[in-house]
PDB file of all heavy atoms in Angstrom:
ATOM      1  N   ILE A   1       0.897-288.836  72.554  1.00  0.00           N
ATOM      2  CA  ILE A   1       0.311-287.666  73.166  1.00  0.00           C
ATOM      3  C   ILE A   1      -1.078-287.484  72.708  1.00  0.00           C
ATOM      4  O   ILE A   1      -1.990-287.271  73.325  1.00  0.00           O
ATOM      5  CB  ILE A   1       1.208-286.546  73.052  1.00  0.00           C
ATOM      6  CG1 ILE A   1       2.519-286.631  73.850  1.00  0.00           C
ATOM      7  CG2 ILE A   1       0.417-285.204  73.481  1.00  0.00           C
ATOM      8  CD1 ILE A   1       3.567-285.652  73.546  1.00  0.00           C
ATOM      9  N   ASP A   2      -1.222-287.554  71.266  1.00  0.00           N
ATOM     10  CA  ASP A   2      -2.514-287.313  70.732  1.00  0.00           C
ATOM     11  C   ASP A   2      -3.418-288.502  71.163  1.00  0.00           C
ATOM     12  O   ASP A   2      -4.785-288.186  71.243  1.00  0.00           O
ATOM     13  CB  ASP A   2      -2.323-287.404  69.076  1.00  0.00           C
ATOM     14  CG  ASP A   2      -1.702-286.177  68.562  1.00  0.00           C
ATOM     15  OD1 ASP A   2      -1.630-285.147  69.344  1.00  0.00           O
ATOM     16  OD2 ASP A   2      -1.192-286.230  67.395  1.00  0.00           O
ATOM     17  N   GLN A   3      -3.076-289.601  71.371  1.00  0.00           N
ATOM     18  CA  GLN A   3      -3.991-290.630  71.887  1.00  0.00           C
ATOM     19  C   GLN A   3      -4.363-290.526  73.219  1.00  0.00           C
ATOM     20  O   GLN A   3      -5.327-291.150  73.752  1.00  0.00           O
ATOM     21  CB  GLN A   3      -3.296-292.078  71.659  1.00  0.00           C
ATOM     22  CG  GLN A   3      -3.010-292.555  70.266  1.00  0.00           C
ATOM     23  CD  GLN A   3      -4.243-292.557  69.491  1.00  0.00           C
ATOM     24  OE1 GLN A   3      -5.209-293.102  69.858  1.00  0.00           O
ATOM     25  NE2 GLN A   3      -4.158-291.879  68.269  1.00  0.00           N
ATOM     26  N   GLY A   4      -3.637-289.562  74.026  1.00  0.00           N
ATOM     27  CA  GLY A   4      -3.971-289.336  75.410  1.00  0.00           C
ATOM     28  C   GLY A   4      -2.999-289.814  76.423  1.00  0.00           C
ATOM     29  O   GLY A   4      -3.202-289.696  77.667  1.00  0.00           O
ATOM     30  N   CYS A   5      -1.854-290.387  76.081  1.00  0.00           N
ATOM     31  CA  CYS A   5      -0.924-290.933  76.991  1.00  0.00           C
ATOM     32  C   CYS A   5      -0.292-289.810  77.723  1.00  0.00           C
ATOM     33  O   CYS A   5       0.125-288.825  77.282  1.00  0.00           O
ATOM     34  CB  CYS A   5       0.251-291.793  76.232  1.00  0.00           C
ATOM     35  SG  CYS A   5      -0.374-293.145  75.348  1.00  0.00           S
ATOM     36  N   LYS A   6      -0.336-289.934  79.146  1.00  0.00           N
ATOM     37  CA  LYS A   6       0.325-289.113  79.984  1.00  0.00           C
ATOM     38  C   LYS A   6       1.695-289.433  80.489  1.00  0.00           C
ATOM     39  O   LYS A   6       2.496-288.563  80.974  1.00  0.00           O
ATOM     40  CB  LYS A   6      -0.579-288.963  81.346  1.00  0.00           C
ATOM     41  CG  LYS A   6      -1.812-288.426  81.012  1.00  0.00           C
ATOM     42  CD  LYS A   6      -1.949-287.045  80.502  1.00  0.00           C
ATOM     43  CE  LYS A   6      -3.512-286.637  80.268  1.00  0.00           C
ATOM     44  NZ  LYS A   6      -3.441-285.305  79.533  1.00  0.00           N
ATOM     45  N   PHE A   7       2.133-290.711  80.201  1.00  0.00           N
ATOM     46  CA  PHE A   7       3.517-291.130  80.491  1.00  0.00           C
ATOM     47  C   PHE A   7       3.909-292.243  79.661  1.00  0.00           C
ATOM     48  O   PHE A   7       3.071-292.917  78.906  1.00  0.00           O
ATOM     49  CB  PHE A   7       3.586-291.664  82.020  1.00  0.00           C
ATOM     50  CG  PHE A   7       2.761-292.766  82.341  1.00  0.00           C
ATOM     51  CD1 PHE A   7       3.149-294.080  82.078  1.00  0.00           C
ATOM     52  CD2 PHE A   7       1.499-292.577  82.733  1.00  0.00           C
ATOM     53  CE1 PHE A   7       2.375-295.197  82.531  1.00  0.00           C
ATOM     54  CE2 PHE A   7       0.483-293.734  83.213  1.00  0.00           C
ATOM     55  CZ  PHE A   7       1.170-295.010  82.983  1.00  0.00           C
ATOM     56  N   ALA A   8       5.177-292.546  79.512  1.00  0.00           N
ATOM     57  CA  ALA A   8       5.692-293.599  78.880  1.00  0.00           C
ATOM     58  C   ALA A   8       6.795-294.177  79.470  1.00  0.00           C
ATOM     59  O   ALA A   8       7.771-293.529  79.867  1.00  0.00           O
ATOM     60  CB  ALA A   8       6.189-293.095  77.441  1.00  0.00           C
ATOM     61  N   TRP A   9       6.732-295.506  79.825  1.00  0.00           N
ATOM     62  CA  TRP A   9       7.742-296.365  80.471  1.00  0.00           C
ATOM     63  C   TRP A   9       8.562-296.974  79.282  1.00  0.00           C
ATOM     64  O   TRP A   9       7.895-297.711  78.511  1.00  0.00           O
ATOM     65  CB  TRP A   9       7.184-297.390  81.408  1.00  0.00           C
ATOM     66  CG  TRP A   9       6.286-296.949  82.647  1.00  0.00           C
ATOM     67  CD1 TRP A   9       5.442-297.680  83.285  1.00  0.00           C
ATOM     68  CD2 TRP A   9       6.414-295.715  83.413  1.00  0.00           C
ATOM     69  NE1 TRP A   9       4.962-297.018  84.344  1.00  0.00           N
ATOM     70  CE2 TRP A   9       5.559-295.777  84.381  1.00  0.00           C
ATOM     71  CE3 TRP A   9       7.052-294.549  83.190  1.00  0.00           C
ATOM     72  CZ2 TRP A   9       5.257-294.777  85.306  1.00  0.00           C
ATOM     73  CZ3 TRP A   9       6.860-293.522  84.024  1.00  0.00           C
ATOM     74  CH2 TRP A   9       5.997-293.669  85.100  1.00  0.00           C
ATOM     75  N   ILE A  10       9.828-296.777  79.337  1.00  0.00           N
ATOM     76  CA  ILE A  10      10.596-297.183  78.139  1.00  0.00           C
ATOM     77  C   ILE A  10      11.575-298.367  78.637  1.00  0.00           C
ATOM     78  O   ILE A  10      12.323-298.228  79.565  1.00  0.00           O
ATOM     79  CB  ILE A  10      11.410-296.145  77.712  1.00  0.00           C
ATOM     80  CG1 ILE A  10      10.475-295.057  77.098  1.00  0.00           C
ATOM     81  CG2 ILE A  10      12.304-296.491  76.469  1.00  0.00           C
ATOM     82  CD1 ILE A  10      10.939-293.605  77.013  1.00  0.00           C
ATOM     83  N   PHE A  11      11.450-299.433  78.033  1.00  0.00           N
ATOM     84  CA  PHE A  11      12.387-300.599  78.312  1.00  0.00           C
ATOM     85  C   PHE A  11      13.116-301.031  77.058  1.00  0.00           C
ATOM     86  O   PHE A  11      12.755-300.649  75.943  1.00  0.00           O
ATOM     87  CB  PHE A  11      11.453-301.864  78.665  1.00  0.00           C
ATOM     88  CG  PHE A  11      10.557-301.717  79.860  1.00  0.00           C
ATOM     89  CD1 PHE A  11       9.301-301.036  79.723  1.00  0.00           C
ATOM     90  CD2 PHE A  11      11.012-302.032  81.110  1.00  0.00           C
ATOM     91  CE1 PHE A  11       8.542-300.821  80.864  1.00  0.00           C
ATOM     92  CE2 PHE A  11      10.217-301.920  82.248  1.00  0.00           C
ATOM     93  CZ  PHE A  11       9.005-301.280  82.200  1.00  0.00           C
ATOM     94  N   THR A  12      14.173-301.809  77.276  1.00  0.00           N
ATOM     95  CA  THR A  12      14.789-302.375  76.035  1.00  0.00           C
ATOM     96  C   THR A  12      14.715-303.853  76.069  1.00  0.00           C
ATOM     97  O   THR A  12      14.689-304.451  77.131  1.00  0.00           O
ATOM     98  CB  THR A  12      16.344-301.849  75.971  1.00  0.00           C
ATOM     99  OG1 THR A  12      16.919-302.214  74.745  1.00  0.00           O
ATOM    100  CG2 THR A  12      17.132-302.508  77.069  1.00  0.00           C
ATOM    101  N   TYR A  13      14.835-304.453  74.860  1.00  0.00           N
ATOM    102  CA  TYR A  13      14.721-305.923  74.939  1.00  0.00           C
ATOM    103  C   TYR A  13      15.714-306.561  75.592  1.00  0.00           C
ATOM    104  O   TYR A  13      17.037-306.389  75.346  1.00  0.00           O
ATOM    105  CB  TYR A  13      14.587-306.326  73.484  1.00  0.00           C
ATOM    106  CG  TYR A  13      14.554-307.787  73.343  1.00  0.00           C
ATOM    107  CD1 TYR A  13      13.457-308.513  73.497  1.00  0.00           C
ATOM    108  CD2 TYR A  13      15.681-308.517  72.842  1.00  0.00           C
ATOM    109  CE1 TYR A  13      13.433-310.067  73.296  1.00  0.00           C
ATOM    110  CE2 TYR A  13      15.697-309.856  72.773  1.00  0.00           C
ATOM    111  CZ  TYR A  13      14.595-310.580  72.908  1.00  0.00           C
ATOM    112  OH  TYR A  13      14.673-311.956  72.881  1.00  0.00           O
ATOM    113  N   ILE A  14      15.344-307.592  76.526  1.00  0.00           N
ATOM    114  CA  ILE A  14      16.357-308.370  77.150  1.00  0.00           C
ATOM    115  C   ILE A  14      16.106-309.883  76.836  1.00  0.00           C
ATOM    116  O   ILE A  14      14.938-310.338  76.923  1.00  0.00           O
ATOM    117  CB  ILE A  14      16.146-308.145  78.693  1.00  0.00           C
ATOM    118  CG1 ILE A  14      16.322-306.776  79.087  1.00  0.00           C
ATOM    119  CG2 ILE A  14      17.370-309.063  79.398  1.00  0.00           C
ATOM    120  CD1 ILE A  14      17.683-306.100  78.988  1.00  0.00           C
ATOM    121  N   PRO A  15      17.142-310.626  76.385  1.00  0.00           N
ATOM    122  CA  PRO A  15      16.901-311.974  75.864  1.00  0.00           C
ATOM    123  C   PRO A  15      16.734-312.990  77.090  1.00  0.00           C
ATOM    124  O   PRO A  15      17.500-313.947  77.379  1.00  0.00           O
ATOM    125  CB  PRO A  15      18.106-312.273  75.104  1.00  0.00           C
ATOM    126  CG  PRO A  15      19.216-311.459  75.828  1.00  0.00           C
ATOM    127  CD  PRO A  15      18.583-310.168  76.210  1.00  0.00           C
ATOM    128  N   VAL A  16      15.662-312.905  77.883  1.00  0.00           N
ATOM    129  CA  VAL A  16      15.391-313.683  79.121  1.00  0.00           C
ATOM    130  C   VAL A  16      14.674-314.860  78.602  1.00  0.00           C
ATOM    131  O   VAL A  16      13.655-314.819  77.887  1.00  0.00           O
ATOM    132  CB  VAL A  16      14.527-312.913  80.162  1.00  0.00           C
ATOM    133  CG1 VAL A  16      14.241-313.713  81.288  1.00  0.00           C
ATOM    134  CG2 VAL A  16      15.409-311.715  80.594  1.00  0.00           C
ATOM    135  N   GLY A  17      15.058-316.109  79.104  1.00  0.00           N
ATOM    136  CA  GLY A  17      14.398-317.302  78.746  1.00  0.00           C
ATOM    137  C   GLY A  17      15.226-318.181  77.878  1.00  0.00           C
ATOM    138  O   GLY A  17      15.911-317.641  76.933  1.00  0.00           O
ATOM    139  N   ALA A  18      15.258-319.469  78.136  1.00  0.00           N
ATOM    140  CA  ALA A  18      16.056-320.331  77.419  1.00  0.00           C
ATOM    141  C   ALA A  18      15.598-320.154  75.847  1.00  0.00           C
ATOM    142  O   ALA A  18      14.404-320.344  75.626  1.00  0.00           O
ATOM    143  CB  ALA A  18      15.917-321.704  77.946  1.00  0.00           C
ATOM    144  N   GLY A  19      16.536-320.032  75.011  1.00  0.00           N
ATOM    145  CA  GLY A  19      16.178-320.082  73.523  1.00  0.00           C
ATOM    146  C   GLY A  19      15.804-318.609  73.103  1.00  0.00           C
ATOM    147  O   GLY A  19      15.400-318.413  71.920  1.00  0.00           O
ATOM    148  N   ALA A  20      15.841-317.506  74.066  1.00  0.00           N
ATOM    149  CA  ALA A  20      15.304-316.351  73.591  1.00  0.00           C
ATOM    150  C   ALA A  20      16.459-315.716  72.588  1.00  0.00           C
ATOM    151  O   ALA A  20      17.581-315.876  72.699  1.00  0.00           O
ATOM    152  CB  ALA A  20      15.350-315.269  74.824  1.00  0.00           C
ATOM    153  N   SER A  21      15.829-314.994  71.666  1.00  0.00           N
ATOM    154  CA  SER A  21      16.632-314.625  70.483  1.00  0.00           C
ATOM    155  C   SER A  21      17.443-313.374  70.966  1.00  0.00           C
ATOM    156  O   SER A  21      17.113-312.504  71.604  1.00  0.00           O
ATOM    157  CB  SER A  21      15.841-314.046  69.347  1.00  0.00           C
ATOM    158  OG  SER A  21      16.496-313.471  68.304  1.00  0.00           O
ATOM    159  N   THR A  22      18.641-313.381  70.528  1.00  0.00           N
ATOM    160  CA  THR A  22      19.567-312.206  70.698  1.00  0.00           C
ATOM    161  C   THR A  22      19.558-311.186  69.490  1.00  0.00           C
ATOM    162  O   THR A  22      20.090-310.061  69.591  1.00  0.00           O
ATOM    163  CB  THR A  22      21.043-312.587  70.918  1.00  0.00           C
ATOM    164  OG1 THR A  22      21.512-313.257  69.768  1.00  0.00           O
ATOM    165  CG2 THR A  22      21.163-313.571  72.237  1.00  0.00           C
ATOM    166  N   ASP A  23      18.789-311.605  68.508  1.00  0.00           N
ATOM    167  CA  ASP A  23      18.749-310.744  67.274  1.00  0.00           C
ATOM    168  C   ASP A  23      18.048-309.482  67.609  1.00  0.00           C
ATOM    169  O   ASP A  23      18.008-308.493  66.750  1.00  0.00           O
ATOM    170  CB  ASP A  23      18.202-311.469  66.105  1.00  0.00           C
ATOM    171  CG  ASP A  23      18.961-312.565  65.691  1.00  0.00           C
ATOM    172  OD1 ASP A  23      20.161-312.595  65.968  1.00  0.00           O
ATOM    173  OD2 ASP A  23      18.534-313.496  65.071  1.00  0.00           O
ATOM    174  N   LEU A  24      17.126-309.428  68.552  1.00  0.00           N
ATOM    175  CA  LEU A  24      16.323-308.286  68.836  1.00  0.00           C
ATOM    176  C   LEU A  24      16.979-307.320  69.855  1.00  0.00           C
ATOM    177  O   LEU A  24      16.445-306.205  69.996  1.00  0.00           O
ATOM    178  CB  LEU A  24      14.938-308.716  69.441  1.00  0.00           C
ATOM    179  CG  LEU A  24      13.996-309.336  68.422  1.00  0.00           C
ATOM    180  CD1 LEU A  24      12.740-309.728  69.162  1.00  0.00           C
ATOM    181  CD2 LEU A  24      13.675-308.478  67.243  1.00  0.00           C
ATOM    182  N   ILE A  25      18.080-307.584  70.379  1.00  0.00           N
ATOM    183  CA  ILE A  25      18.802-306.775  71.309  1.00  0.00           C
ATOM    184  C   ILE A  25      19.190-305.423  70.517  1.00  0.00           C
ATOM    185  O   ILE A  25      19.876-305.536  69.495  1.00  0.00           O
ATOM    186  CB  ILE A  25      20.111-307.280  71.951  1.00  0.00           C
ATOM    187  CG1 ILE A  25      19.639-308.583  72.760  1.00  0.00           C
ATOM    188  CG2 ILE A  25      20.790-306.338  72.716  1.00  0.00           C
ATOM    189  CD1 ILE A  25      20.872-309.262  73.267  1.00  0.00           C
ATOM    190  N   ALA A  26      18.934-304.334  70.991  1.00  0.00           N
ATOM    191  CA  ALA A  26      19.255-302.969  70.331  1.00  0.00           C
ATOM    192  C   ALA A  26      20.725-302.869  70.262  1.00  0.00           C
ATOM    193  O   ALA A  26      21.453-303.142  71.225  1.00  0.00           O
ATOM    194  CB  ALA A  26      18.593-301.828  71.107  1.00  0.00           C
ATOM    195  N   THR A  27      21.142-302.193  69.229  1.00  0.00           N
ATOM    196  CA  THR A  27      22.628-301.903  69.235  1.00  0.00           C
ATOM    197  C   THR A  27      22.940-300.673  70.073  1.00  0.00           C
ATOM    198  O   THR A  27      22.060-299.946  70.556  1.00  0.00           O
ATOM    199  CB  THR A  27      23.007-301.513  67.732  1.00  0.00           C
ATOM    200  OG1 THR A  27      22.307-300.357  67.437  1.00  0.00           O
ATOM    201  CG2 THR A  27      22.550-302.475  66.692  1.00  0.00           C
ATOM    202  N   ALA A  28      24.346-300.614  70.354  1.00  0.00           N
ATOM    203  CA  ALA A  28      24.744-299.482  71.170  1.00  0.00           C
ATOM    204  C   ALA A  28      24.283-298.163  70.641  1.00  0.00           C
ATOM    205  O   ALA A  28      23.999-297.268  71.387  1.00  0.00           O
ATOM    206  CB  ALA A  28      26.207-299.587  71.472  1.00  0.00           C
ATOM    207  N   GLU A  29      24.355-298.048  69.233  1.00  0.00           N
ATOM    208  CA  GLU A  29      24.027-296.829  68.585  1.00  0.00           C
ATOM    209  C   GLU A  29      22.487-296.635  68.751  1.00  0.00           C
ATOM    210  O   GLU A  29      22.110-295.309  69.101  1.00  0.00           O
ATOM    211  CB  GLU A  29      24.338-296.829  67.143  1.00  0.00           C
ATOM    212  CG  GLU A  29      25.905-296.900  66.821  1.00  0.00           C
ATOM    213  CD  GLU A  29      26.560-298.202  67.243  1.00  0.00           C
ATOM    214  OE1 GLU A  29      25.778-299.172  67.207  1.00  0.00           O
ATOM    215  OE2 GLU A  29      27.783-298.317  67.461  1.00  0.00           O
ATOM    216  N   GLN A  30      21.709-297.496  68.774  1.00  0.00           N
ATOM    217  CA  GLN A  30      20.352-297.313  68.978  1.00  0.00           C
ATOM    218  C   GLN A  30      19.977-296.924  70.440  1.00  0.00           C
ATOM    219  O   GLN A  30      19.097-296.078  70.697  1.00  0.00           O
ATOM    220  CB  GLN A  30      19.517-298.662  68.675  1.00  0.00           C
ATOM    221  CG  GLN A  30      19.452-298.819  67.086  1.00  0.00           C
ATOM    222  CD  GLN A  30      18.817-300.247  66.824  1.00  0.00           C
ATOM    223  OE1 GLN A  30      19.062-301.305  67.475  1.00  0.00           O
ATOM    224  NE2 GLN A  30      18.025-300.285  65.741  1.00  0.00           N
ATOM    225  N   ARG A  31      20.710-297.569  71.409  1.00  0.00           N
ATOM    226  CA  ARG A  31      20.495-297.156  72.822  1.00  0.00           C
ATOM    227  C   ARG A  31      20.947-295.627  73.016  1.00  0.00           C
ATOM    228  O   ARG A  31      20.137-294.967  73.700  1.00  0.00           O
ATOM    229  CB  ARG A  31      21.313-298.140  73.713  1.00  0.00           C
ATOM    230  CG  ARG A  31      20.983-297.856  75.086  1.00  0.00           C
ATOM    231  CD  ARG A  31      21.501-299.031  75.984  1.00  0.00           C
ATOM    232  NE  ARG A  31      21.473-298.673  77.343  1.00  0.00           N
ATOM    233  CZ  ARG A  31      21.990-299.566  78.330  1.00  0.00           C
ATOM    234  NH1 ARG A  31      22.343-300.781  77.968  1.00  0.00           N
ATOM    235  NH2 ARG A  31      21.944-299.139  79.658  1.00  0.00           N
ATOM    236  N   LYS A  32      21.988-295.159  72.335  1.00  0.00           N
ATOM    237  CA  LYS A  32      22.320-293.863  72.431  1.00  0.00           C
ATOM    238  C   LYS A  32      21.312-292.916  71.843  1.00  0.00           C
ATOM    239  O   LYS A  32      21.131-291.894  72.329  1.00  0.00           O
ATOM    240  CB  LYS A  32      23.771-293.617  71.788  1.00  0.00           C
ATOM    241  CG  LYS A  32      24.129-292.116  71.954  1.00  0.00           C
ATOM    242  CD  LYS A  32      25.489-291.920  71.362  1.00  0.00           C
ATOM    243  CE  LYS A  32      25.906-290.524  71.495  1.00  0.00           C
ATOM    244  NZ  LYS A  32      25.137-289.404  71.086  1.00  0.00           N
ATOM    245  N   TYR A  33      20.702-293.383  70.754  1.00  0.00           N
ATOM    246  CA  TYR A  33      19.746-292.658  70.127  1.00  0.00           C
ATOM    247  C   TYR A  33      18.564-292.436  71.049  1.00  0.00           C
ATOM    248  O   TYR A  33      17.910-291.371  71.095  1.00  0.00           O
ATOM    249  CB  TYR A  33      19.286-293.379  68.775  1.00  0.00           C
ATOM    250  CG  TYR A  33      17.982-292.936  68.257  1.00  0.00           C
ATOM    251  CD1 TYR A  33      18.086-291.736  67.407  1.00  0.00           C
ATOM    252  CD2 TYR A  33      16.727-293.583  68.322  1.00  0.00           C
ATOM    253  CE1 TYR A  33      16.748-291.269  66.867  1.00  0.00           C
ATOM    254  CE2 TYR A  33      15.661-293.188  67.823  1.00  0.00           C
ATOM    255  CZ  TYR A  33      15.604-292.018  67.092  1.00  0.00           C
ATOM    256  OH  TYR A  33      14.448-291.558  66.457  1.00  0.00           O
ATOM    257  N   MET A  34      18.123-293.506  71.827  1.00  0.00           N
ATOM    258  CA  MET A  34      17.095-293.429  72.689  1.00  0.00           C
ATOM    259  C   MET A  34      17.447-292.424  73.866  1.00  0.00           C
ATOM    260  O   MET A  34      16.686-291.595  74.391  1.00  0.00           O
ATOM    261  CB  MET A  34      16.633-294.815  73.275  1.00  0.00           C
ATOM    262  CG  MET A  34      16.023-295.654  72.185  1.00  0.00           C
ATOM    263  SD  MET A  34      14.499-295.037  71.592  1.00  0.00           S
ATOM    264  CE  MET A  34      13.425-295.014  72.950  1.00  0.00           C
ATOM    265  N   TYR A  35      18.723-292.531  74.271  1.00  0.00           N
ATOM    266  CA  TYR A  35      19.157-291.700  75.355  1.00  0.00           C
ATOM    267  C   TYR A  35      18.982-290.222  74.961  1.00  0.00           C
ATOM    268  O   TYR A  35      18.604-289.367  75.802  1.00  0.00           O
ATOM    269  CB  TYR A  35      20.711-292.043  75.639  1.00  0.00           C
ATOM    270  CG  TYR A  35      21.403-291.092  76.576  1.00  0.00           C
ATOM    271  CD1 TYR A  35      21.452-291.379  77.925  1.00  0.00           C
ATOM    272  CD2 TYR A  35      22.099-289.965  76.153  1.00  0.00           C
ATOM    273  CE1 TYR A  35      22.072-290.418  78.773  1.00  0.00           C
ATOM    274  CE2 TYR A  35      22.790-289.120  76.921  1.00  0.00           C
ATOM    275  CZ  TYR A  35      22.763-289.342  78.242  1.00  0.00           C
ATOM    276  OH  TYR A  35      23.422-288.487  79.162  1.00  0.00           O
ATOM    277  N   ASP A  36      19.515-289.881  73.766  1.00  0.00           N
ATOM    278  CA  ASP A  36      19.437-288.574  73.329  1.00  0.00           C
ATOM    279  C   ASP A  36      18.001-287.984  73.002  1.00  0.00           C
ATOM    280  O   ASP A  36      17.659-287.044  73.421  1.00  0.00           O
ATOM    281  CB  ASP A  36      20.275-288.402  71.978  1.00  0.00           C
ATOM    282  CG  ASP A  36      21.654-288.589  72.178  1.00  0.00           C
ATOM    283  OD1 ASP A  36      22.096-288.273  73.228  1.00  0.00           O
ATOM    284  OD2 ASP A  36      22.337-288.913  71.167  1.00  0.00           O
ATOM    285  N   GLN A  37      17.136-288.965  72.490  1.00  0.00           N
ATOM    286  CA  GLN A  37      15.729-288.533  72.083  1.00  0.00           C
ATOM    287  C   GLN A  37      14.941-288.218  73.469  1.00  0.00           C
ATOM    288  O   GLN A  37      14.259-287.211  73.542  1.00  0.00           O
ATOM    289  CB  GLN A  37      15.249-289.660  71.269  1.00  0.00           C
ATOM    290  CG  GLN A  37      15.609-289.652  69.862  1.00  0.00           C
ATOM    291  CD  GLN A  37      15.263-288.367  69.110  1.00  0.00           C
ATOM    292  OE1 GLN A  37      15.966-287.458  68.945  1.00  0.00           O
ATOM    293  NE2 GLN A  37      14.049-288.480  68.450  1.00  0.00           N
ATOM    294  N   ILE A  38      15.072-289.097  74.450  1.00  0.00           N
ATOM    295  CA  ILE A  38      14.352-288.968  75.601  1.00  0.00           C
ATOM    296  C   ILE A  38      14.616-287.673  76.381  1.00  0.00           C
ATOM    297  O   ILE A  38      13.738-286.965  76.889  1.00  0.00           O
ATOM    298  CB  ILE A  38      14.373-290.266  76.490  1.00  0.00           C
ATOM    299  CG1 ILE A  38      13.809-291.516  75.898  1.00  0.00           C
ATOM    300  CG2 ILE A  38      13.722-290.052  77.841  1.00  0.00           C
ATOM    301  CD1 ILE A  38      12.404-291.337  75.373  1.00  0.00           C
ATOM    302  N   ARG A  39      15.931-287.286  76.392  1.00  0.00           N
ATOM    303  CA  ARG A  39      16.292-286.141  77.080  1.00  0.00           C
ATOM    304  C   ARG A  39      15.774-284.960  76.265  1.00  0.00           C
ATOM    305  O   ARG A  39      15.481-283.935  76.933  1.00  0.00           O
ATOM    306  CB  ARG A  39      17.892-286.276  77.214  1.00  0.00           C
ATOM    307  CG  ARG A  39      18.307-286.914  78.509  1.00  0.00           C
ATOM    308  CD  ARG A  39      19.618-287.522  78.347  1.00  0.00           C
ATOM    309  NE  ARG A  39      19.899-288.284  79.528  1.00  0.00           N
ATOM    310  CZ  ARG A  39      19.516-289.515  79.907  1.00  0.00           C
ATOM    311  NH1 ARG A  39      18.647-290.080  79.007  1.00  0.00           N
ATOM    312  NH2 ARG A  39      19.820-290.215  81.045  1.00  0.00           N
ATOM    313  N   LYS A  40      15.785-285.081  75.064  1.00  0.00           N
ATOM    314  CA  LYS A  40      15.144-283.919  74.228  1.00  0.00           C
ATOM    315  C   LYS A  40      13.689-283.816  74.509  1.00  0.00           C
ATOM    316  O   LYS A  40      13.183-282.712  74.702  1.00  0.00           O
ATOM    317  CB  LYS A  40      15.453-284.282  72.717  1.00  0.00           C
ATOM    318  CG  LYS A  40      14.892-283.114  71.885  1.00  0.00           C
ATOM    319  CD  LYS A  40      15.126-283.360  70.371  1.00  0.00           C
ATOM    320  CE  LYS A  40      14.235-284.471  69.832  1.00  0.00           C
ATOM    321  NZ  LYS A  40      14.267-284.618  68.360  1.00  0.00           N
TER     322      LYS A  40
END
């Protein structure tokens, strides 16, 4: 907000592409954290 952003589009990492790492997929607990935070 301080930088001037008026909106934020929020995505989660998807392992698209052959050989894409699964280690970056957010955990279920992290996804719930984002769910709660964005609603707040």
